[in-house]
Protein backbone atom coordinates (compact mmCIF):
# COMPACT_ATOMS: atom_id res chain seq x y z
CA UNK A 1 0.00 0.00 0.00
CA UNK A 2 2.79 2.43 0.89
CA UNK A 3 4.70 1.63 -2.29
CA UNK A 4 1.55 2.32 -4.36
CA UNK A 5 1.15 5.70 -2.65
CA UNK A 6 4.80 6.62 -3.16
CA UNK A 7 4.65 5.47 -6.80
CA UNK A 8 1.60 7.65 -7.45
CA UNK A 9 3.20 10.72 -5.91
CA UNK A 10 6.41 10.12 -7.89
CA UNK A 11 4.51 9.85 -11.19
CA UNK A 12 2.44 12.95 -10.44
CA UNK A 13 5.59 14.80 -9.42
CA UNK A 14 7.07 13.95 -12.83
CA UNK A 15 3.93 15.15 -14.61
CA UNK A 16 3.96 18.35 -12.56
CA UNK A 17 7.57 19.05 -13.63
CA UNK A 18 6.87 18.24 -17.26
CA UNK A 19 3.78 20.46 -17.27
CA UNK A 20 5.71 23.39 -15.80
CA UNK A 21 8.48 22.86 -18.36
CA UNK A 22 5.98 22.89 -21.25
CA UNK A 23 4.14 25.86 -19.74
CA UNK A 24 7.32 27.93 -19.32
CA UNK A 25 8.37 27.12 -22.90
CA UNK A 26 5.04 28.50 -24.11
CA UNK A 27 4.85 31.69 -22.05
CA UNK A 28 8.40 32.38 -20.90
CA UNK A 29 9.94 32.50 -17.46
CA UNK A 30 8.35 35.75 -16.29
CA UNK A 31 5.75 33.97 -14.18
CA UNK A 32 5.69 32.53 -10.69
CA UNK A 33 4.68 28.87 -10.71
CA UNK A 34 4.62 26.48 -7.77
CA UNK A 35 3.58 22.84 -7.87
CA UNK A 36 2.94 20.15 -5.27
CA UNK A 37 2.36 16.52 -6.15
CA UNK A 38 -0.21 14.34 -4.38
CA UNK A 39 -1.35 10.73 -4.74
CA UNK A 40 -4.17 11.66 -7.13
CA UNK A 41 -2.59 14.47 -9.14
CA UNK A 42 -0.92 17.72 -8.29
CA UNK A 43 -1.66 21.31 -7.35
CA UNK A 44 -0.33 24.11 -9.50
CA UNK A 45 -0.28 27.64 -8.14
CA UNK A 46 -0.04 30.15 -10.98
CA UNK A 47 -2.00 33.01 -12.49
CA UNK A 48 -2.58 31.44 -15.90
CA UNK A 49 -5.66 30.64 -17.99
CA UNK A 50 -7.06 27.17 -17.38
CA UNK A 51 -7.02 26.44 -21.13
CA UNK A 52 -3.25 26.98 -21.19
CA UNK A 53 -2.79 24.63 -18.24
CA UNK A 54 -5.04 22.03 -19.84
CA UNK A 55 -3.08 22.11 -23.13
CA UNK A 56 0.29 22.08 -21.33
CA UNK A 57 -0.70 19.19 -19.07
CA UNK A 58 -1.90 17.03 -21.94
CA UNK A 59 1.20 17.84 -24.00
CA UNK A 60 3.44 17.04 -21.03
CA UNK A 61 1.76 13.68 -20.48
CA UNK A 62 2.01 12.80 -24.17
CA UNK A 63 5.69 13.74 -24.25
CA UNK A 64 6.49 11.70 -21.13
CA UNK A 65 4.64 8.72 -22.61
CA UNK A 66 6.60 9.08 -25.86
CA UNK A 67 9.92 8.78 -24.04
CA UNK A 68 10.88 12.32 -23.04
CA UNK A 69 11.62 11.27 -19.45
CA UNK A 70 14.08 14.13 -18.99
CA UNK A 71 11.04 16.39 -18.50
CA UNK A 72 10.49 14.70 -15.11
CA UNK A 73 13.64 16.30 -13.66
CA UNK A 74 13.60 20.05 -13.04
CA UNK A 75 16.26 22.51 -11.98
CA UNK A 76 13.44 24.45 -10.29
CA UNK A 77 12.40 21.61 -7.96
CA UNK A 78 12.41 21.96 -4.19
CA UNK A 79 14.20 18.62 -3.98
CA UNK A 80 17.34 20.43 -5.15
CA UNK A 81 17.07 22.88 -2.27
CA UNK A 82 16.44 20.10 0.26
CA UNK A 83 19.44 18.09 -0.97
CA UNK A 84 21.67 21.18 -0.91
CA UNK A 85 20.57 22.13 2.60
CA UNK A 86 20.96 18.63 4.00
CA UNK A 87 24.35 18.08 2.39
CA UNK A 88 25.69 21.49 3.46
CA UNK A 89 24.43 20.95 7.02
CA UNK A 90 25.93 17.47 7.38
CA UNK A 91 29.25 18.51 5.87
CA UNK A 92 29.43 21.64 8.04
CA UNK A 93 28.83 19.65 11.21
CA UNK A 94 31.32 16.98 10.14
CA UNK A 95 33.95 19.61 9.33
CA UNK A 96 33.42 21.49 12.59
CA UNK A 97 33.88 18.28 14.56
CA UNK A 98 33.86 18.33 18.32
CA UNK A 99 36.24 21.27 18.71
CA UNK A 100 33.70 23.99 17.83
CA UNK A 101 36.58 26.49 17.55
CA UNK A 102 36.28 29.62 15.43
CA UNK A 103 39.50 28.72 13.63
CA UNK A 104 37.52 25.92 11.93
CA UNK A 105 35.06 28.41 10.47
CA UNK A 106 36.85 28.87 7.10
CA UNK A 107 36.88 25.08 6.63
CA UNK A 108 33.19 24.86 7.57
CA UNK A 109 32.31 27.58 5.05
CA UNK A 110 34.40 25.84 2.38
CA UNK A 111 32.71 22.49 3.14
CA UNK A 112 29.27 24.13 2.84
CA UNK A 113 30.20 25.78 -0.48
CA UNK A 114 31.57 22.55 -1.95
CA UNK A 115 28.42 20.78 -0.76
CA UNK A 116 26.19 23.28 -2.56
CA UNK A 117 28.13 22.73 -5.79
CA UNK A 118 27.99 18.94 -5.39
CA UNK A 119 24.28 19.12 -4.59
CA UNK A 120 23.36 20.32 -8.08
CA UNK A 121 23.96 17.01 -9.87
CA UNK A 122 23.02 15.06 -6.73
CA UNK A 123 19.64 16.84 -6.54
CA UNK A 124 18.89 15.89 -10.14
CA UNK A 125 19.83 12.26 -9.39
CA UNK A 126 17.59 12.23 -6.31
CA UNK A 127 14.73 13.47 -8.48
CA UNK A 128 15.39 10.95 -11.24
CA UNK A 129 15.68 7.91 -8.97
CA UNK A 130 13.67 8.80 -5.84
CA UNK A 131 11.18 11.66 -6.06
CA UNK A 132 9.88 11.35 -9.65
CA UNK A 133 9.01 8.53 -12.04
CA UNK A 134 8.52 9.13 -15.75
CA UNK A 135 6.60 5.84 -16.08
CA UNK A 136 3.18 7.29 -16.89
CA UNK A 137 2.13 4.82 -19.59
CA UNK A 138 -1.17 3.94 -17.92
CA UNK A 139 -1.81 7.38 -16.40
CA UNK A 140 -4.65 9.59 -17.59
CA UNK A 141 -5.72 13.11 -16.77
CA UNK A 142 -9.16 12.91 -15.15
CA UNK A 143 -9.78 16.62 -14.83
CA UNK A 144 -8.51 20.05 -13.85
CA UNK A 145 -10.29 21.99 -11.13
CA UNK A 146 -9.82 25.70 -10.55
CA UNK A 147 -9.61 27.33 -7.15
CA UNK A 148 -8.62 30.58 -5.58
CA UNK A 149 -10.00 34.01 -4.95
CA UNK A 150 -8.80 37.50 -4.32
CA UNK A 151 -6.22 37.45 -7.10
CA UNK A 152 -4.66 34.11 -6.19
CA UNK A 153 -5.15 31.14 -8.46
CA UNK A 154 -4.51 27.48 -8.08
CA UNK A 155 -5.49 24.36 -9.94
CA UNK A 156 -5.82 20.72 -9.02
CA UNK A 157 -4.84 18.44 -11.88
CA UNK A 158 -6.41 15.05 -11.16
CA UNK A 159 -4.89 11.87 -12.52
CA UNK A 160 -5.72 8.18 -12.44
CA UNK A 161 -4.06 4.94 -13.53
CA UNK A 162 -5.45 2.24 -15.71
CA UNK A 163 -8.36 4.13 -17.27
C-alpha atoms as a PDB file:
ATOM      1  CA  UNK A   1       0.000   0.000   0.000  1.00  0.00           C
ATOM      2  CA  UNK A   2       2.785   2.435   0.892  1.00  0.00           C
ATOM      3  CA  UNK A   3       4.697   1.634  -2.290  1.00  0.00           C
ATOM      4  CA  UNK A   4       1.555   2.316  -4.360  1.00  0.00           C
ATOM      5  CA  UNK A   5       1.151   5.700  -2.652  1.00  0.00           C
ATOM      6  CA  UNK A   6       4.800   6.623  -3.160  1.00  0.00           C
ATOM      7  CA  UNK A   7       4.648   5.468  -6.804  1.00  0.00           C
ATOM      8  CA  UNK A   8       1.596   7.647  -7.450  1.00  0.00           C
ATOM      9  CA  UNK A   9       3.205  10.719  -5.912  1.00  0.00           C
ATOM     10  CA  UNK A  10       6.409  10.116  -7.894  1.00  0.00           C
ATOM     11  CA  UNK A  11       4.511   9.849 -11.189  1.00  0.00           C
ATOM     12  CA  UNK A  12       2.439  12.949 -10.443  1.00  0.00           C
ATOM     13  CA  UNK A  13       5.590  14.803  -9.416  1.00  0.00           C
ATOM     14  CA  UNK A  14       7.068  13.949 -12.828  1.00  0.00           C
ATOM     15  CA  UNK A  15       3.925  15.148 -14.612  1.00  0.00           C
ATOM     16  CA  UNK A  16       3.955  18.353 -12.565  1.00  0.00           C
ATOM     17  CA  UNK A  17       7.573  19.046 -13.630  1.00  0.00           C
ATOM     18  CA  UNK A  18       6.867  18.236 -17.255  1.00  0.00           C
ATOM     19  CA  UNK A  19       3.775  20.465 -17.266  1.00  0.00           C
ATOM     20  CA  UNK A  20       5.713  23.387 -15.800  1.00  0.00           C
ATOM     21  CA  UNK A  21       8.478  22.865 -18.360  1.00  0.00           C
ATOM     22  CA  UNK A  22       5.983  22.893 -21.248  1.00  0.00           C
ATOM     23  CA  UNK A  23       4.145  25.861 -19.740  1.00  0.00           C
ATOM     24  CA  UNK A  24       7.315  27.926 -19.321  1.00  0.00           C
ATOM     25  CA  UNK A  25       8.371  27.120 -22.895  1.00  0.00           C
ATOM     26  CA  UNK A  26       5.039  28.501 -24.112  1.00  0.00           C
ATOM     27  CA  UNK A  27       4.854  31.693 -22.047  1.00  0.00           C
ATOM     28  CA  UNK A  28       8.402  32.383 -20.899  1.00  0.00           C
ATOM     29  CA  UNK A  29       9.941  32.496 -17.460  1.00  0.00           C
ATOM     30  CA  UNK A  30       8.348  35.748 -16.286  1.00  0.00           C
ATOM     31  CA  UNK A  31       5.751  33.966 -14.178  1.00  0.00           C
ATOM     32  CA  UNK A  32       5.687  32.528 -10.693  1.00  0.00           C
ATOM     33  CA  UNK A  33       4.681  28.869 -10.706  1.00  0.00           C
ATOM     34  CA  UNK A  34       4.622  26.478  -7.765  1.00  0.00           C
ATOM     35  CA  UNK A  35       3.584  22.837  -7.875  1.00  0.00           C
ATOM     36  CA  UNK A  36       2.939  20.152  -5.270  1.00  0.00           C
ATOM     37  CA  UNK A  37       2.356  16.517  -6.147  1.00  0.00           C
ATOM     38  CA  UNK A  38      -0.206  14.335  -4.380  1.00  0.00           C
ATOM     39  CA  UNK A  39      -1.351  10.729  -4.737  1.00  0.00           C
ATOM     40  CA  UNK A  40      -4.168  11.659  -7.131  1.00  0.00           C
ATOM     41  CA  UNK A  41      -2.590  14.465  -9.140  1.00  0.00           C
ATOM     42  CA  UNK A  42      -0.922  17.719  -8.294  1.00  0.00           C
ATOM     43  CA  UNK A  43      -1.660  21.308  -7.354  1.00  0.00           C
ATOM     44  CA  UNK A  44      -0.335  24.105  -9.502  1.00  0.00           C
ATOM     45  CA  UNK A  45      -0.279  27.635  -8.135  1.00  0.00           C
ATOM     46  CA  UNK A  46      -0.042  30.154 -10.981  1.00  0.00           C
ATOM     47  CA  UNK A  47      -2.001  33.008 -12.491  1.00  0.00           C
ATOM     48  CA  UNK A  48      -2.581  31.441 -15.905  1.00  0.00           C
ATOM     49  CA  UNK A  49      -5.660  30.641 -17.992  1.00  0.00           C
ATOM     50  CA  UNK A  50      -7.059  27.169 -17.380  1.00  0.00           C
ATOM     51  CA  UNK A  51      -7.019  26.442 -21.126  1.00  0.00           C
ATOM     52  CA  UNK A  52      -3.253  26.978 -21.188  1.00  0.00           C
ATOM     53  CA  UNK A  53      -2.786  24.632 -18.237  1.00  0.00           C
ATOM     54  CA  UNK A  54      -5.037  22.034 -19.841  1.00  0.00           C
ATOM     55  CA  UNK A  55      -3.084  22.113 -23.126  1.00  0.00           C
ATOM     56  CA  UNK A  56       0.286  22.084 -21.334  1.00  0.00           C
ATOM     57  CA  UNK A  57      -0.703  19.185 -19.070  1.00  0.00           C
ATOM     58  CA  UNK A  58      -1.897  17.027 -21.945  1.00  0.00           C
ATOM     59  CA  UNK A  59       1.201  17.843 -24.004  1.00  0.00           C
ATOM     60  CA  UNK A  60       3.444  17.038 -21.031  1.00  0.00           C
ATOM     61  CA  UNK A  61       1.761  13.678 -20.476  1.00  0.00           C
ATOM     62  CA  UNK A  62       2.015  12.798 -24.174  1.00  0.00           C
ATOM     63  CA  UNK A  63       5.694  13.738 -24.247  1.00  0.00           C
ATOM     64  CA  UNK A  64       6.486  11.697 -21.131  1.00  0.00           C
ATOM     65  CA  UNK A  65       4.637   8.724 -22.608  1.00  0.00           C
ATOM     66  CA  UNK A  66       6.597   9.076 -25.861  1.00  0.00           C
ATOM     67  CA  UNK A  67       9.924   8.781 -24.042  1.00  0.00           C
ATOM     68  CA  UNK A  68      10.878  12.323 -23.039  1.00  0.00           C
ATOM     69  CA  UNK A  69      11.617  11.270 -19.453  1.00  0.00           C
ATOM     70  CA  UNK A  70      14.085  14.127 -18.994  1.00  0.00           C
ATOM     71  CA  UNK A  71      11.043  16.393 -18.497  1.00  0.00           C
ATOM     72  CA  UNK A  72      10.491  14.702 -15.112  1.00  0.00           C
ATOM     73  CA  UNK A  73      13.643  16.303 -13.663  1.00  0.00           C
ATOM     74  CA  UNK A  74      13.603  20.048 -13.042  1.00  0.00           C
ATOM     75  CA  UNK A  75      16.263  22.506 -11.977  1.00  0.00           C
ATOM     76  CA  UNK A  76      13.439  24.453 -10.293  1.00  0.00           C
ATOM     77  CA  UNK A  77      12.404  21.609  -7.963  1.00  0.00           C
ATOM     78  CA  UNK A  78      12.409  21.964  -4.192  1.00  0.00           C
ATOM     79  CA  UNK A  79      14.204  18.619  -3.984  1.00  0.00           C
ATOM     80  CA  UNK A  80      17.339  20.428  -5.149  1.00  0.00           C
ATOM     81  CA  UNK A  81      17.068  22.883  -2.265  1.00  0.00           C
ATOM     82  CA  UNK A  82      16.442  20.099   0.260  1.00  0.00           C
ATOM     83  CA  UNK A  83      19.437  18.095  -0.974  1.00  0.00           C
ATOM     84  CA  UNK A  84      21.669  21.184  -0.915  1.00  0.00           C
ATOM     85  CA  UNK A  85      20.573  22.135   2.601  1.00  0.00           C
ATOM     86  CA  UNK A  86      20.964  18.627   4.000  1.00  0.00           C
ATOM     87  CA  UNK A  87      24.352  18.080   2.391  1.00  0.00           C
ATOM     88  CA  UNK A  88      25.686  21.488   3.465  1.00  0.00           C
ATOM     89  CA  UNK A  89      24.434  20.951   7.024  1.00  0.00           C
ATOM     90  CA  UNK A  90      25.932  17.472   7.377  1.00  0.00           C
ATOM     91  CA  UNK A  91      29.254  18.515   5.874  1.00  0.00           C
ATOM     92  CA  UNK A  92      29.426  21.637   8.039  1.00  0.00           C
ATOM     93  CA  UNK A  93      28.827  19.653  11.214  1.00  0.00           C
ATOM     94  CA  UNK A  94      31.322  16.977  10.140  1.00  0.00           C
ATOM     95  CA  UNK A  95      33.950  19.608   9.330  1.00  0.00           C
ATOM     96  CA  UNK A  96      33.422  21.488  12.589  1.00  0.00           C
ATOM     97  CA  UNK A  97      33.876  18.283  14.562  1.00  0.00           C
ATOM     98  CA  UNK A  98      33.864  18.335  18.321  1.00  0.00           C
ATOM     99  CA  UNK A  99      36.238  21.272  18.713  1.00  0.00           C
ATOM    100  CA  UNK A 100      33.701  23.995  17.834  1.00  0.00           C
ATOM    101  CA  UNK A 101      36.583  26.491  17.551  1.00  0.00           C
ATOM    102  CA  UNK A 102      36.282  29.625  15.432  1.00  0.00           C
ATOM    103  CA  UNK A 103      39.497  28.723  13.626  1.00  0.00           C
ATOM    104  CA  UNK A 104      37.519  25.918  11.928  1.00  0.00           C
ATOM    105  CA  UNK A 105      35.056  28.414  10.473  1.00  0.00           C
ATOM    106  CA  UNK A 106      36.853  28.869   7.096  1.00  0.00           C
ATOM    107  CA  UNK A 107      36.875  25.078   6.625  1.00  0.00           C
ATOM    108  CA  UNK A 108      33.192  24.861   7.573  1.00  0.00           C
ATOM    109  CA  UNK A 109      32.311  27.579   5.046  1.00  0.00           C
ATOM    110  CA  UNK A 110      34.396  25.837   2.381  1.00  0.00           C
ATOM    111  CA  UNK A 111      32.709  22.495   3.139  1.00  0.00           C
ATOM    112  CA  UNK A 112      29.275  24.130   2.837  1.00  0.00           C
ATOM    113  CA  UNK A 113      30.201  25.778  -0.484  1.00  0.00           C
ATOM    114  CA  UNK A 114      31.573  22.545  -1.953  1.00  0.00           C
ATOM    115  CA  UNK A 115      28.418  20.783  -0.763  1.00  0.00           C
ATOM    116  CA  UNK A 116      26.186  23.285  -2.561  1.00  0.00           C
ATOM    117  CA  UNK A 117      28.131  22.734  -5.788  1.00  0.00           C
ATOM    118  CA  UNK A 118      27.988  18.941  -5.390  1.00  0.00           C
ATOM    119  CA  UNK A 119      24.278  19.125  -4.587  1.00  0.00           C
ATOM    120  CA  UNK A 120      23.358  20.318  -8.080  1.00  0.00           C
ATOM    121  CA  UNK A 121      23.958  17.008  -9.874  1.00  0.00           C
ATOM    122  CA  UNK A 122      23.017  15.065  -6.735  1.00  0.00           C
ATOM    123  CA  UNK A 123      19.644  16.840  -6.538  1.00  0.00           C
ATOM    124  CA  UNK A 124      18.891  15.887 -10.142  1.00  0.00           C
ATOM    125  CA  UNK A 125      19.834  12.262  -9.392  1.00  0.00           C
ATOM    126  CA  UNK A 126      17.588  12.229  -6.314  1.00  0.00           C
ATOM    127  CA  UNK A 127      14.728  13.473  -8.480  1.00  0.00           C
ATOM    128  CA  UNK A 128      15.393  10.954 -11.237  1.00  0.00           C
ATOM    129  CA  UNK A 129      15.675   7.909  -8.972  1.00  0.00           C
ATOM    130  CA  UNK A 130      13.675   8.799  -5.840  1.00  0.00           C
ATOM    131  CA  UNK A 131      11.183  11.660  -6.063  1.00  0.00           C
ATOM    132  CA  UNK A 132       9.883  11.347  -9.652  1.00  0.00           C
ATOM    133  CA  UNK A 133       9.008   8.528 -12.040  1.00  0.00           C
ATOM    134  CA  UNK A 134       8.518   9.132 -15.752  1.00  0.00           C
ATOM    135  CA  UNK A 135       6.604   5.836 -16.080  1.00  0.00           C
ATOM    136  CA  UNK A 136       3.179   7.291 -16.886  1.00  0.00           C
ATOM    137  CA  UNK A 137       2.130   4.815 -19.587  1.00  0.00           C
ATOM    138  CA  UNK A 138      -1.172   3.941 -17.920  1.00  0.00           C
ATOM    139  CA  UNK A 139      -1.809   7.382 -16.400  1.00  0.00           C
ATOM    140  CA  UNK A 140      -4.649   9.591 -17.591  1.00  0.00           C
ATOM    141  CA  UNK A 141      -5.723  13.115 -16.772  1.00  0.00           C
ATOM    142  CA  UNK A 142      -9.157  12.910 -15.155  1.00  0.00           C
ATOM    143  CA  UNK A 143      -9.777  16.625 -14.834  1.00  0.00           C
ATOM    144  CA  UNK A 144      -8.513  20.049 -13.853  1.00  0.00           C
ATOM    145  CA  UNK A 145     -10.292  21.994 -11.133  1.00  0.00           C
ATOM    146  CA  UNK A 146      -9.825  25.704 -10.548  1.00  0.00           C
ATOM    147  CA  UNK A 147      -9.614  27.330  -7.147  1.00  0.00           C
ATOM    148  CA  UNK A 148      -8.615  30.581  -5.579  1.00  0.00           C
ATOM    149  CA  UNK A 149     -10.002  34.006  -4.952  1.00  0.00           C
ATOM    150  CA  UNK A 150      -8.795  37.497  -4.316  1.00  0.00           C
ATOM    151  CA  UNK A 151      -6.216  37.447  -7.096  1.00  0.00           C
ATOM    152  CA  UNK A 152      -4.657  34.113  -6.191  1.00  0.00           C
ATOM    153  CA  UNK A 153      -5.146  31.135  -8.462  1.00  0.00           C
ATOM    154  CA  UNK A 154      -4.512  27.483  -8.085  1.00  0.00           C
ATOM    155  CA  UNK A 155      -5.493  24.363  -9.942  1.00  0.00           C
ATOM    156  CA  UNK A 156      -5.815  20.721  -9.019  1.00  0.00           C
ATOM    157  CA  UNK A 157      -4.844  18.442 -11.880  1.00  0.00           C
ATOM    158  CA  UNK A 158      -6.407  15.055 -11.159  1.00  0.00           C
ATOM    159  CA  UNK A 159      -4.893  11.870 -12.522  1.00  0.00           C
ATOM    160  CA  UNK A 160      -5.721   8.181 -12.436  1.00  0.00           C
ATOM    161  CA  UNK A 161      -4.060   4.942 -13.528  1.00  0.00           C
ATOM    162  CA  UNK A 162      -5.451   2.239 -15.713  1.00  0.00           C
ATOM    163  CA  UNK A 163      -8.355   4.126 -17.267  1.00  0.00           C
END
